[in-house]
Amino acid sequence: NDEPQQFLNIVAQRGVSASLLSQAQRVGLDDPLTRRIAVEGQVLAVNDVALYGEPGFVGPRAEGYHAGIGMPIKKKETPVGAIFVRSKVRTSYDQADVDLLQNISNQIGVALENAELYSQMQERVRELNGLAELSAACVSTLDPHSLSEIGVEWTRRLMHVDGCGIRLLDGGGLRLGAARMMNAAARAEDQIEMNPVMRSIVEKRIPRIVNDADADLSLTPDERQRLKNLRSFLLARF
């Protein structure tokens, strides 16, 4: 599945003609046939595609295919893709064929789960190593500005974010301690007021998470202007 799950992209194939491959390289999930398999998780086995008028069979039918099986590939019981087999010489498949493809599909699903778990484990190891290096860097200085610089740099590395800023309490406002921005034209304000949202973060330790700045109605006009180049952000007290 493509990320918004509106398409299926071919990631591997054998024996598919260039003509059919060009049609099936990216298949929309608005096709009922594809959707039943890759989204709803149904198994489809047909003995002759000529008997079916659905749009999803047009390409295989024109290529002279007869029998075929479409099987969902699942991770943790959730469909994430599909595997298709088809034949120009066979005119039927029996249950043993369907069961074999089901076992193949299950093995692929397990392999995808293992790959994801391994990736998560590797990311966790990188996080722990990064936190250890951050801790060592922080004890190497007592200068607040240097600590702020170290903090924003490591936060960007560990969280893979476009920008990071640290602010320190200064009277009734928050003074910029250090910042890193991906966009060279972006600039963080030196001082911002302690508005109710900031006060809640600082005094009550309630993080603020905004996943879509364009759609979040809780943002004030001033905040929207200040954050107009950002899609999402997280504010938290340290």
C-alpha atoms as a PDB file:
ATOM      1  CA  ASN A   1       0.000   0.000   0.000  1.00  0.00           C
ATOM      2  CA  ASP A   2       1.063   3.531  -0.710  1.00  0.00           C
ATOM      3  CA  GLU A   3       1.255   5.676   2.441  1.00  0.00           C
ATOM      4  CA  PRO A   4      -2.214   7.267   2.204  1.00  0.00           C
ATOM      5  CA  GLN A   5      -3.360   3.794   1.102  1.00  0.00           C
ATOM      6  CA  GLN A   6      -4.952   4.994  -2.112  1.00  0.00           C
ATOM      7  CA  PHE A   7      -2.684   2.952  -4.373  1.00  0.00           C
ATOM      8  CA  LEU A   8      -0.904  -0.369  -4.696  1.00  0.00           C
ATOM      9  CA  ASN A   9       2.627  -0.099  -6.103  1.00  0.00           C
ATOM     10  CA  ILE A  10       4.394  -3.077  -7.661  1.00  0.00           C
ATOM     11  CA  VAL A  11       7.523  -3.871  -5.660  1.00  0.00           C
ATOM     12  CA  ALA A  12       8.425  -7.165  -7.384  1.00  0.00           C
ATOM     13  CA  GLN A  13       7.217  -9.132 -10.398  1.00  0.00           C
ATOM     14  CA  ARG A  14       8.148 -12.042 -12.642  1.00  0.00           C
ATOM     15  CA  GLY A  15       6.718 -12.819 -16.062  1.00  0.00           C
ATOM     16  CA  VAL A  16       4.603  -9.681 -16.468  1.00  0.00           C
ATOM     17  CA  SER A  17       4.730  -8.144 -19.939  1.00  0.00           C
ATOM     18  CA  ALA A  18       5.917  -4.550 -20.371  1.00  0.00           C
ATOM     19  CA  SER A  19       2.435  -3.579 -21.555  1.00  0.00           C
ATOM     20  CA  LEU A  20       0.641  -5.037 -18.559  1.00  0.00           C
ATOM     21  CA  LEU A  21       3.345  -3.787 -16.194  1.00  0.00           C
ATOM     22  CA  SER A  22       2.799  -0.218 -17.399  1.00  0.00           C
ATOM     23  CA  GLN A  23      -0.901  -0.563 -16.553  1.00  0.00           C
ATOM     24  CA  ALA A  24      -0.369  -2.267 -13.193  1.00  0.00           C
ATOM     25  CA  GLN A  25       2.695  -0.371 -11.934  1.00  0.00           C
ATOM     26  CA  ARG A  26       0.372   1.671  -9.739  1.00  0.00           C
ATOM     27  CA  VAL A  27      -3.185   0.485  -9.180  1.00  0.00           C
ATOM     28  CA  GLY A  28      -5.798   2.646  -7.496  1.00  0.00           C
ATOM     29  CA  LEU A  29      -7.658   1.184  -4.561  1.00  0.00           C
ATOM     30  CA  ASP A  30     -10.834   2.696  -5.925  1.00  0.00           C
ATOM     31  CA  ASP A  31     -10.940  -0.431  -8.138  1.00  0.00           C
ATOM     32  CA  PRO A  32     -13.417  -2.751  -6.328  1.00  0.00           C
ATOM     33  CA  LEU A  33     -11.429  -5.878  -7.181  1.00  0.00           C
ATOM     34  CA  THR A  34      -8.138  -4.554  -5.829  1.00  0.00           C
ATOM     35  CA  ARG A  35      -9.817  -3.030  -2.789  1.00  0.00           C
ATOM     36  CA  ARG A  36     -11.471  -6.303  -1.774  1.00  0.00           C
ATOM     37  CA  ILE A  37      -8.089  -8.025  -1.673  1.00  0.00           C
ATOM     38  CA  ALA A  38      -5.647  -5.364  -0.439  1.00  0.00           C
ATOM     39  CA  VAL A  39      -7.915  -3.434   1.942  1.00  0.00           C
ATOM     40  CA  GLU A  40     -10.707  -5.775   3.006  1.00  0.00           C
ATOM     41  CA  GLY A  41      -8.410  -8.813   3.125  1.00  0.00           C
ATOM     42  CA  GLN A  42     -10.501 -11.123   0.946  1.00  0.00           C
ATOM     43  CA  VAL A  43      -9.044 -13.947  -1.153  1.00  0.00           C
ATOM     44  CA  LEU A  44     -10.051 -14.019  -4.812  1.00  0.00           C
ATOM     45  CA  ALA A  45      -9.580 -17.137  -6.986  1.00  0.00           C
ATOM     46  CA  VAL A  46     -11.066 -17.199 -10.484  1.00  0.00           C
ATOM     47  CA  ASN A  47     -10.906 -19.899 -13.145  1.00  0.00           C
ATOM     48  CA  ASP A  48     -11.478 -17.648 -16.152  1.00  0.00           C
ATOM     49  CA  VAL A  49     -11.182 -13.865 -16.088  1.00  0.00           C
ATOM     50  CA  ALA A  50     -13.182 -13.731 -19.337  1.00  0.00           C
ATOM     51  CA  LEU A  51     -16.261 -14.426 -17.245  1.00  0.00           C
ATOM     52  CA  TYR A  52     -15.775 -11.293 -15.120  1.00  0.00           C
ATOM     53  CA  GLY A  53     -16.459  -7.796 -16.409  1.00  0.00           C
ATOM     54  CA  GLU A  54     -14.817  -5.859 -13.555  1.00  0.00           C
ATOM     55  CA  PRO A  55     -12.300  -3.164 -14.566  1.00  0.00           C
ATOM     56  CA  GLY A  56      -9.509  -4.914 -12.657  1.00  0.00           C
ATOM     57  CA  PHE A  57      -9.622  -7.837 -15.102  1.00  0.00           C
ATOM     58  CA  VAL A  58      -9.366  -5.776 -18.304  1.00  0.00           C
ATOM     59  CA  GLY A  59      -5.565  -5.895 -18.550  1.00  0.00           C
ATOM     60  CA  PRO A  60      -5.129  -9.617 -17.757  1.00  0.00           C
ATOM     61  CA  ARG A  61      -8.020 -10.499 -20.073  1.00  0.00           C
ATOM     62  CA  ALA A  62      -6.462  -8.570 -22.978  1.00  0.00           C
ATOM     63  CA  GLU A  63      -3.156 -10.387 -22.356  1.00  0.00           C
ATOM     64  CA  GLY A  64      -4.806 -13.788 -22.668  1.00  0.00           C
ATOM     65  CA  TYR A  65      -4.806 -14.822 -19.015  1.00  0.00           C
ATOM     66  CA  HIS A  66      -7.379 -17.286 -17.741  1.00  0.00           C
ATOM     67  CA  ALA A  67      -7.066 -18.473 -14.150  1.00  0.00           C
ATOM     68  CA  GLY A  68      -5.735 -16.324 -11.320  1.00  0.00           C
ATOM     69  CA  ILE A  69      -5.542 -15.871  -7.558  1.00  0.00           C
ATOM     70  CA  GLY A  70      -5.299 -12.635  -5.592  1.00  0.00           C
ATOM     71  CA  MET A  71      -4.178 -12.978  -1.958  1.00  0.00           C
ATOM     72  CA  PRO A  72      -3.820 -10.235   0.690  1.00  0.00           C
ATOM     73  CA  ILE A  73      -0.487  -9.819   2.462  1.00  0.00           C
ATOM     74  CA  LYS A  74      -1.064  -9.038   6.130  1.00  0.00           C
ATOM     75  CA  LYS A  75       0.982  -7.666   9.001  1.00  0.00           C
ATOM     76  CA  LYS A  76      -0.587  -8.449  12.355  1.00  0.00           C
ATOM     77  CA  GLU A  77      -3.872  -9.340  10.615  1.00  0.00           C
ATOM     78  CA  THR A  78      -3.971  -5.974   8.815  1.00  0.00           C
ATOM     79  CA  PRO A  79      -3.776  -6.050   4.993  1.00  0.00           C
ATOM     80  CA  VAL A  80      -0.749  -4.093   3.742  1.00  0.00           C
ATOM     81  CA  GLY A  81      -0.583  -5.324   0.152  1.00  0.00           C
ATOM     82  CA  ALA A  82      -1.387  -8.245  -2.118  1.00  0.00           C
ATOM     83  CA  ILE A  83       0.222 -11.012  -4.149  1.00  0.00           C
ATOM     84  CA  PHE A  84      -1.271 -12.036  -7.489  1.00  0.00           C
ATOM     85  CA  VAL A  85      -0.621 -15.123  -9.616  1.00  0.00           C
ATOM     86  CA  ARG A  86      -2.150 -15.792 -13.013  1.00  0.00           C
ATOM     87  CA  SER A  87      -1.825 -18.264 -15.843  1.00  0.00           C
ATOM     88  CA  LYS A  88      -2.453 -18.281 -19.603  1.00  0.00           C
ATOM     89  CA  VAL A  89      -2.594 -22.077 -19.802  1.00  0.00           C
ATOM     90  CA  ARG A  90      -4.470 -23.121 -16.688  1.00  0.00           C
ATOM     91  CA  THR A  91      -8.225 -22.761 -16.594  1.00  0.00           C
ATOM     92  CA  SER A  92      -8.729 -23.674 -12.952  1.00  0.00           C
ATOM     93  CA  TYR A  93      -7.103 -23.606  -9.540  1.00  0.00           C
ATOM     94  CA  ASP A  94      -7.978 -25.946  -6.717  1.00  0.00           C
ATOM     95  CA  GLN A  95      -7.986 -25.344  -2.966  1.00  0.00           C
ATOM     96  CA  ALA A  96      -4.436 -26.678  -2.601  1.00  0.00           C
ATOM     97  CA  ASP A  97      -3.203 -23.869  -4.878  1.00  0.00           C
ATOM     98  CA  VAL A  98      -5.037 -21.283  -2.801  1.00  0.00           C
ATOM     99  CA  ASP A  99      -3.641 -22.776   0.417  1.00  0.00           C
ATOM    100  CA  LEU A 100      -0.093 -22.712  -0.979  1.00  0.00           C
ATOM    101  CA  LEU A 101      -0.366 -19.055  -1.952  1.00  0.00           C
ATOM    102  CA  GLN A 102      -1.853 -18.337   1.487  1.00  0.00           C
ATOM    103  CA  ASN A 103       1.250 -19.861   3.107  1.00  0.00           C
ATOM    104  CA  ILE A 104       3.520 -17.817   0.830  1.00  0.00           C
ATOM    105  CA  SER A 105       1.589 -14.673   1.695  1.00  0.00           C
ATOM    106  CA  ASN A 106       1.844 -15.475   5.417  1.00  0.00           C
ATOM    107  CA  GLN A 107       5.620 -15.883   5.144  1.00  0.00           C
ATOM    108  CA  ILE A 108       5.947 -12.519   3.379  1.00  0.00           C
ATOM    109  CA  GLY A 109       3.779 -10.880   6.055  1.00  0.00           C
ATOM    110  CA  VAL A 110       5.930 -12.331   8.853  1.00  0.00           C
ATOM    111  CA  ALA A 111       9.108 -11.183   7.060  1.00  0.00           C
ATOM    112  CA  LEU A 112       7.702  -7.647   6.773  1.00  0.00           C
ATOM    113  CA  GLU A 113       6.816  -7.667  10.485  1.00  0.00           C
ATOM    114  CA  ASN A 114      10.335  -8.838  11.369  1.00  0.00           C
ATOM    115  CA  ALA A 115      11.885  -6.153   9.161  1.00  0.00           C
ATOM    116  CA  GLU A 116       9.759  -3.513  10.883  1.00  0.00           C
ATOM    117  CA  LEU A 117      10.648  -4.824  14.355  1.00  0.00           C
ATOM    118  CA  TYR A 118      14.342  -4.860  13.450  1.00  0.00           C
ATOM    119  CA  SER A 119      14.134  -1.292  12.172  1.00  0.00           C
ATOM    120  CA  GLN A 120      12.398  -0.215  15.394  1.00  0.00           C
ATOM    121  CA  MET A 121      15.042  -1.977  17.482  1.00  0.00           C
ATOM    122  CA  GLN A 122      17.848  -0.294  15.536  1.00  0.00           C
ATOM    123  CA  GLU A 123      16.171   3.082  15.998  1.00  0.00           C
ATOM    124  CA  ARG A 124      15.856   2.439  19.738  1.00  0.00           C
ATOM    125  CA  VAL A 125      19.568   1.550  19.940  1.00  0.00           C
ATOM    126  CA  ARG A 126      20.431   4.785  18.111  1.00  0.00           C
ATOM    127  CA  GLU A 127      18.234   6.731  20.533  1.00  0.00           C
ATOM    128  CA  LEU A 128      19.895   5.196  23.594  1.00  0.00           C
ATOM    129  CA  ASN A 129      23.378   5.803  22.187  1.00  0.00           C
ATOM    130  CA  GLY A 130      22.407   9.370  21.337  1.00  0.00           C
ATOM    131  CA  LEU A 131      21.027  10.000  24.823  1.00  0.00           C
ATOM    132  CA  ALA A 132      24.236   8.667  26.350  1.00  0.00           C
ATOM    133  CA  GLU A 133      26.317  10.984  24.152  1.00  0.00           C
ATOM    134  CA  LEU A 134      23.997  13.897  24.980  1.00  0.00           C
ATOM    135  CA  SER A 135      24.427  13.219  28.700  1.00  0.00           C
ATOM    136  CA  ALA A 136      28.219  13.150  28.320  1.00  0.00           C
ATOM    137  CA  ALA A 137      28.171  16.389  26.343  1.00  0.00           C
ATOM    138  CA  CYS A 138      25.985  18.151  28.914  1.00  0.00           C
ATOM    139  CA  VAL A 139      28.295  17.387  31.851  1.00  0.00           C
ATOM    140  CA  SER A 140      31.229  18.810  29.909  1.00  0.00           C
ATOM    141  CA  THR A 141      30.069  22.412  30.439  1.00  0.00           C
ATOM    142  CA  LEU A 142      28.194  24.556  32.960  1.00  0.00           C
ATOM    143  CA  ASP A 143      27.563  27.429  30.564  1.00  0.00           C
ATOM    144  CA  PRO A 144      23.773  27.807  29.962  1.00  0.00           C
ATOM    145  CA  HIS A 145      24.249  28.968  26.358  1.00  0.00           C
ATOM    146  CA  SER A 146      26.525  26.037  25.532  1.00  0.00           C
ATOM    147  CA  LEU A 147      24.062  23.620  27.162  1.00  0.00           C
ATOM    148  CA  SER A 148      21.235  25.087  25.085  1.00  0.00           C
ATOM    149  CA  GLU A 149      23.281  24.714  21.892  1.00  0.00           C
ATOM    150  CA  ILE A 150      24.062  21.089  22.750  1.00  0.00           C
ATOM    151  CA  GLY A 151      20.404  20.452  23.580  1.00  0.00           C
ATOM    152  CA  VAL A 152      18.947  21.723  20.309  1.00  0.00           C
ATOM    153  CA  GLU A 153      21.568  19.987  18.188  1.00  0.00           C
ATOM    154  CA  TRP A 154      20.999  16.589  19.791  1.00  0.00           C
ATOM    155  CA  THR A 155      17.227  17.014  19.801  1.00  0.00           C
ATOM    156  CA  ARG A 156      17.305  17.564  16.058  1.00  0.00           C
ATOM    157  CA  ARG A 157      19.479  14.504  15.550  1.00  0.00           C
ATOM    158  CA  LEU A 158      17.434  12.203  17.767  1.00  0.00           C
ATOM    159  CA  MET A 159      13.962  13.335  16.698  1.00  0.00           C
ATOM    160  CA  HIS A 160      14.722  13.973  12.993  1.00  0.00           C
ATOM    161  CA  VAL A 161      12.983  17.363  13.052  1.00  0.00           C
ATOM    162  CA  ASP A 162      13.397  20.372  10.767  1.00  0.00           C
ATOM    163  CA  GLY A 163      13.911  22.813  13.599  1.00  0.00           C
ATOM    164  CA  CYS A 164      14.348  23.005  17.354  1.00  0.00           C
ATOM    165  CA  GLY A 165      14.477  25.848  19.851  1.00  0.00           C
ATOM    166  CA  ILE A 166      15.134  26.108  23.586  1.00  0.00           C
ATOM    167  CA  ARG A 167      13.720  29.016  25.570  1.00  0.00           C
ATOM    168  CA  LEU A 168      14.570  30.046  29.109  1.00  0.00           C
ATOM    169  CA  LEU A 169      12.368  31.850  31.621  1.00  0.00           C
ATOM    170  CA  ASP A 170      13.192  35.544  31.715  1.00  0.00           C
ATOM    171  CA  GLY A 171      10.873  37.675  33.861  1.00  0.00           C
ATOM    172  CA  GLY A 172       7.385  37.414  32.392  1.00  0.00           C
ATOM    173  CA  GLY A 173       8.491  35.942  29.088  1.00  0.00           C
ATOM    174  CA  LEU A 174      10.564  33.260  27.425  1.00  0.00           C
ATOM    175  CA  ARG A 175      13.975  34.199  26.044  1.00  0.00           C
ATOM    176  CA  LEU A 176      15.518  32.244  23.185  1.00  0.00           C
ATOM    177  CA  GLY A 177      18.456  30.208  24.423  1.00  0.00           C
ATOM    178  CA  ALA A 178      19.405  28.464  21.183  1.00  0.00           C
ATOM    179  CA  ALA A 179      17.766  27.370  17.934  1.00  0.00           C
ATOM    180  CA  ARG A 180      18.453  25.351  14.803  1.00  0.00           C
ATOM    181  CA  MET A 181      16.289  25.830  11.721  1.00  0.00           C
ATOM    182  CA  MET A 182      16.416  23.832   8.498  1.00  0.00           C
ATOM    183  CA  ASN A 183      15.221  26.827   6.502  1.00  0.00           C
ATOM    184  CA  ALA A 184      17.993  29.423   6.465  1.00  0.00           C
ATOM    185  CA  ALA A 185      15.403  32.188   6.070  1.00  0.00           C
ATOM    186  CA  ALA A 186      13.507  31.119   9.195  1.00  0.00           C
ATOM    187  CA  ARG A 187      14.262  33.018  12.365  1.00  0.00           C
ATOM    188  CA  ALA A 188      13.087  32.397  15.910  1.00  0.00           C
ATOM    189  CA  GLU A 189      11.979  35.454  17.902  1.00  0.00           C
ATOM    190  CA  ASP A 190      14.366  36.454  20.662  1.00  0.00           C
ATOM    191  CA  GLN A 191      11.570  36.872  23.212  1.00  0.00           C
ATOM    192  CA  ILE A 192       7.962  35.681  23.372  1.00  0.00           C
ATOM    193  CA  GLU A 193       5.307  36.485  25.933  1.00  0.00           C
ATOM    194  CA  MET A 194       4.117  34.072  28.580  1.00  0.00           C
ATOM    195  CA  ASN A 195       0.617  33.570  27.171  1.00  0.00           C
ATOM    196  CA  PRO A 196      -1.859  31.065  28.701  1.00  0.00           C
ATOM    197  CA  VAL A 197      -0.622  28.221  26.502  1.00  0.00           C
ATOM    198  CA  MET A 198       3.026  28.817  27.365  1.00  0.00           C
ATOM    199  CA  ARG A 199       2.137  29.230  31.028  1.00  0.00           C
ATOM    200  CA  SER A 200       0.350  25.877  30.977  1.00  0.00           C
ATOM    201  CA  ILE A 201       3.405  24.224  29.451  1.00  0.00           C
ATOM    202  CA  VAL A 202       5.841  25.823  31.906  1.00  0.00           C
ATOM    203  CA  GLU A 203       3.821  25.722  35.122  1.00  0.00           C
ATOM    204  CA  LYS A 204       1.687  22.607  34.676  1.00  0.00           C
ATOM    205  CA  ARG A 205       4.129  20.639  32.533  1.00  0.00           C
ATOM    206  CA  ILE A 206       1.442  19.910  29.950  1.00  0.00           C
ATOM    207  CA  PRO A 207       3.075  19.338  26.534  1.00  0.00           C
ATOM    208  CA  ARG A 208       1.394  20.851  23.525  1.00  0.00           C
ATOM    209  CA  ILE A 209       1.211  18.713  20.392  1.00  0.00           C
ATOM    210  CA  VAL A 210      -0.004  20.087  17.070  1.00  0.00           C
ATOM    211  CA  ASN A 211      -0.132  17.534  14.254  1.00  0.00           C
ATOM    212  CA  ASP A 212      -1.530  19.862  11.590  1.00  0.00           C
ATOM    213  CA  ALA A 213      -0.986  23.577  12.107  1.00  0.00           C
ATOM    214  CA  ASP A 214      -3.282  24.443   9.192  1.00  0.00           C
ATOM    215  CA  ALA A 215      -6.225  22.602  10.714  1.00  0.00           C
ATOM    216  CA  ASP A 216      -5.685  23.264  14.443  1.00  0.00           C
ATOM    217  CA  LEU A 217      -8.295  25.815  15.498  1.00  0.00           C
ATOM    218  CA  SER A 218      -6.710  26.327  18.922  1.00  0.00           C
ATOM    219  CA  LEU A 219      -3.858  28.349  17.427  1.00  0.00           C
ATOM    220  CA  THR A 220      -4.163  32.122  17.757  1.00  0.00           C
ATOM    221  CA  PRO A 221      -3.606  34.370  14.714  1.00  0.00           C
ATOM    222  CA  ASP A 222      -0.236  35.404  16.152  1.00  0.00           C
ATOM    223  CA  GLU A 223       0.803  31.780  16.562  1.00  0.00           C
ATOM    224  CA  ARG A 224      -0.308  30.962  13.036  1.00  0.00           C
ATOM    225  CA  GLN A 225       1.795  33.807  11.709  1.00  0.00           C
ATOM    226  CA  ARG A 226       4.796  32.761  13.765  1.00  0.00           C
ATOM    227  CA  LEU A 227       4.439  29.095  12.801  1.00  0.00           C
ATOM    228  CA  LYS A 228       3.215  29.552   9.231  1.00  0.00           C
ATOM    229  CA  ASN A 229       6.071  27.502   7.758  1.00  0.00           C
ATOM    230  CA  LEU A 230       5.550  24.544  10.100  1.00  0.00           C
ATOM    231  CA  ARG A 231       3.243  21.578   9.640  1.00  0.00           C
ATOM    232  CA  SER A 232       3.513  20.031  13.104  1.00  0.00           C
ATOM    233  CA  PHE A 233       5.307  20.759  16.358  1.00  0.00           C
ATOM    234  CA  LEU A 234       5.740  19.737  19.987  1.00  0.00           C
ATOM    235  CA  LEU A 235       6.265  22.075  22.923  1.00  0.00           C
ATOM    236  CA  ALA A 236       7.375  20.690  26.290  1.00  0.00           C
ATOM    237  CA  ARG A 237       9.002  21.889  29.488  1.00  0.00           C
ATOM    238  CA  PHE A 238      12.413  20.693  30.652  1.00  0.00           C
END
